[in-house]
Amino acid sequence: MLAETRQAAESVIDAFRGLNAHILVQEFIKEAGGRDIRCLVIGNQVVAAIERVAKEGDFRSNLHRGGKAYPVTITEQERQIAVKAATTLGLDVAGVDILRAARGPLVMEVNASPGLEGIETSSGLDIAGLMIGWIEQQAIPGLRPKTAG
């Protein structure tokens, strides 16, 4: 929900408190213009990035809400922020959502189990294959999985 004034925000928060609901309040970054950057981090590197653009009249850029995705080139600062966000949370794989704000890139959300369809389609990369390759590299040599029987 978007509360456009402080009074509206206080009313929304009070309503949810009355329901004993858990809520998360985020600052609205107007200059982001309904756009964000999804960085897919595997290990200690960003392997793909897309720009997500909200459908007309919405401020949320989620693809399942009608947003569109496009390939994007990210800055070194955005790359470092995405990796730091994932590693700070102890995640080897993460989707890190960044807003381009007037005061610089801001982490909006970190997803421990990011969807792959949108980023694979938009980037043209086999992200699932990259994940499997990374897992194989991390495997302990000589360790074999247990078999049934």
Protein backbone atom coordinates (compact mmCIF):
# COMPACT_ATOMS: atom_id res chain seq x y z
CA MET A 1 0.00 0.00 0.00
CA LEU A 2 1.17 3.49 -0.71
CA ALA A 3 0.35 6.12 1.89
CA GLU A 4 0.88 9.49 0.26
CA THR A 5 0.87 11.58 3.43
CA ARG A 6 2.11 11.10 6.97
CA GLN A 7 -1.48 11.16 8.23
CA ALA A 8 -2.47 8.44 5.74
CA ALA A 9 0.53 6.35 6.81
CA GLU A 10 -0.41 6.69 10.48
CA SER A 11 -4.00 5.63 9.70
CA VAL A 12 -2.84 2.56 7.78
CA ILE A 13 -0.41 1.58 10.55
CA ASP A 14 -3.11 2.05 13.21
CA ALA A 15 -5.53 -0.10 11.22
CA PHE A 16 -3.02 -2.95 10.95
CA ARG A 17 -2.09 -2.62 14.62
CA GLY A 18 -5.78 -2.97 15.46
CA LEU A 19 -5.71 -6.32 13.65
CA ASN A 20 -2.54 -7.38 15.50
CA ALA A 21 -0.96 -7.82 12.07
CA HIS A 22 2.77 -7.78 11.42
CA ILE A 23 3.72 -4.97 9.08
CA LEU A 24 6.79 -3.60 7.38
CA VAL A 25 6.99 0.09 6.56
CA GLN A 26 9.31 1.25 3.80
CA GLU A 27 10.21 4.72 2.67
CA PHE A 28 8.74 5.59 -0.73
CA ILE A 29 11.52 6.57 -3.13
CA LYS A 30 9.69 8.76 -5.64
CA GLU A 31 12.63 9.23 -8.01
CA ALA A 32 12.82 5.45 -8.58
CA GLY A 33 9.73 5.95 -10.75
CA GLY A 34 8.36 2.43 -10.37
CA ARG A 35 11.69 0.89 -11.40
CA ASP A 36 14.18 -1.27 -9.58
CA ILE A 37 17.20 -3.39 -10.31
CA ARG A 38 17.15 -7.12 -9.49
CA CYS A 39 20.69 -8.42 -9.03
CA LEU A 40 21.14 -12.18 -8.89
CA VAL A 41 24.05 -12.99 -6.60
CA ILE A 42 25.71 -16.40 -6.60
CA GLY A 43 28.66 -16.85 -4.27
CA ASN A 44 30.40 -13.50 -4.17
CA GLN A 45 29.40 -12.17 -7.56
CA VAL A 46 26.45 -10.71 -9.40
CA VAL A 47 25.84 -13.11 -12.29
CA ALA A 48 22.90 -11.22 -13.83
CA ALA A 49 20.96 -8.02 -13.43
CA ILE A 50 17.67 -6.80 -14.86
CA GLU A 51 15.69 -3.60 -14.56
CA ARG A 52 12.08 -4.17 -13.58
CA VAL A 53 9.51 -1.54 -14.55
CA ALA A 54 6.06 -1.31 -12.94
CA LYS A 55 2.93 -1.52 -15.04
CA GLU A 56 1.22 1.79 -15.78
CA GLY A 57 -0.30 3.32 -12.65
CA ASP A 58 1.56 1.11 -10.14
CA PHE A 59 4.68 1.80 -8.10
CA ARG A 60 5.62 -1.87 -7.58
CA SER A 61 7.79 -3.40 -10.27
CA ASN A 62 7.10 -7.05 -9.46
CA LEU A 63 6.82 -9.14 -12.62
CA HIS A 64 3.92 -11.17 -11.22
CA ARG A 65 2.02 -7.89 -10.81
CA GLY A 66 2.40 -7.00 -14.48
CA GLY A 67 5.83 -5.37 -14.42
CA LYS A 68 8.24 -5.77 -17.32
CA ALA A 69 11.93 -6.70 -17.20
CA TYR A 70 14.83 -5.55 -19.33
CA PRO A 71 18.58 -6.22 -19.38
CA VAL A 72 20.53 -3.53 -17.56
CA THR A 73 24.15 -2.63 -16.93
CA ILE A 74 24.81 -2.00 -13.26
CA THR A 75 27.49 0.17 -11.74
CA GLU A 76 30.38 -1.16 -9.68
CA GLN A 77 28.79 0.43 -6.61
CA GLU A 78 25.50 -1.39 -7.27
CA ARG A 79 27.42 -4.64 -7.78
CA GLN A 80 29.27 -4.22 -4.48
CA ILE A 81 26.08 -3.34 -2.60
CA ALA A 82 24.27 -6.42 -3.95
CA VAL A 83 27.10 -8.77 -2.95
CA LYS A 84 27.43 -7.14 0.48
CA ALA A 85 23.68 -7.44 1.12
CA ALA A 86 23.72 -11.17 0.28
CA THR A 87 26.86 -11.94 2.29
CA THR A 88 25.68 -9.88 5.27
CA LEU A 89 22.63 -12.13 5.44
CA GLY A 90 24.76 -15.26 4.99
CA LEU A 91 23.19 -16.09 1.63
CA ASP A 92 25.13 -17.89 -1.10
CA VAL A 93 22.32 -17.26 -3.57
CA ALA A 94 20.10 -14.18 -3.43
CA GLY A 95 18.00 -11.83 -5.46
CA VAL A 96 18.89 -8.32 -4.29
CA ASP A 97 16.51 -5.54 -5.28
CA ILE A 98 18.08 -2.10 -5.53
CA LEU A 99 16.46 1.28 -6.09
CA ARG A 100 18.33 4.01 -7.89
CA ALA A 101 17.72 6.96 -5.60
CA ALA A 102 18.99 10.53 -5.67
CA ARG A 103 21.24 9.71 -2.69
CA GLY A 104 22.63 6.61 -4.39
CA PRO A 105 21.64 2.95 -4.71
CA LEU A 106 19.44 1.63 -1.90
CA VAL A 107 18.73 -2.01 -1.05
CA MET A 108 14.98 -2.45 -1.01
CA GLU A 109 14.75 -6.21 -0.47
CA VAL A 110 16.86 -9.36 -0.38
CA ASN A 111 15.24 -12.61 -1.50
CA ALA A 112 16.75 -15.87 -0.26
CA SER A 113 14.78 -17.86 -2.83
CA PRO A 114 14.49 -15.63 -5.90
CA GLY A 115 12.39 -16.62 -8.88
CA LEU A 116 14.44 -17.38 -11.97
CA GLU A 117 12.04 -17.15 -14.89
CA GLY A 118 12.07 -13.37 -15.28
CA ILE A 119 15.81 -12.94 -14.90
CA GLU A 120 16.64 -15.92 -17.15
CA THR A 121 14.26 -14.71 -19.86
CA SER A 122 15.42 -11.10 -19.70
CA SER A 123 19.14 -11.76 -19.36
CA GLY A 124 19.27 -14.76 -21.70
CA LEU A 125 21.40 -16.59 -19.11
CA ASP A 126 20.96 -20.07 -17.68
CA ILE A 127 20.87 -18.95 -14.05
CA ALA A 128 19.85 -22.40 -12.79
CA GLY A 129 22.89 -23.84 -14.58
CA LEU A 130 25.13 -21.20 -12.98
CA MET A 131 23.73 -22.14 -9.56
CA ILE A 132 24.40 -25.82 -10.15
CA GLY A 133 27.92 -25.04 -11.32
CA TRP A 134 28.57 -23.01 -8.18
CA ILE A 135 27.24 -25.80 -5.97
CA GLU A 136 29.50 -28.29 -7.74
CA GLN A 137 32.49 -26.02 -7.15
CA GLN A 138 31.67 -25.87 -3.43
CA ALA A 139 31.33 -29.64 -3.09
CA ILE A 140 33.96 -31.34 -0.98
CA PRO A 141 36.16 -33.50 -3.25
CA GLY A 142 35.65 -37.19 -2.61
CA LEU A 143 32.40 -36.71 -0.70
CA ARG A 144 29.67 -38.87 -2.19
CA PRO A 145 25.99 -38.54 -1.43
CA LYS A 146 24.40 -41.37 0.55
CA THR A 147 22.41 -43.84 -1.52
CA ALA A 148 19.28 -45.71 -0.54
CA GLY A 149 19.61 -49.36 0.40
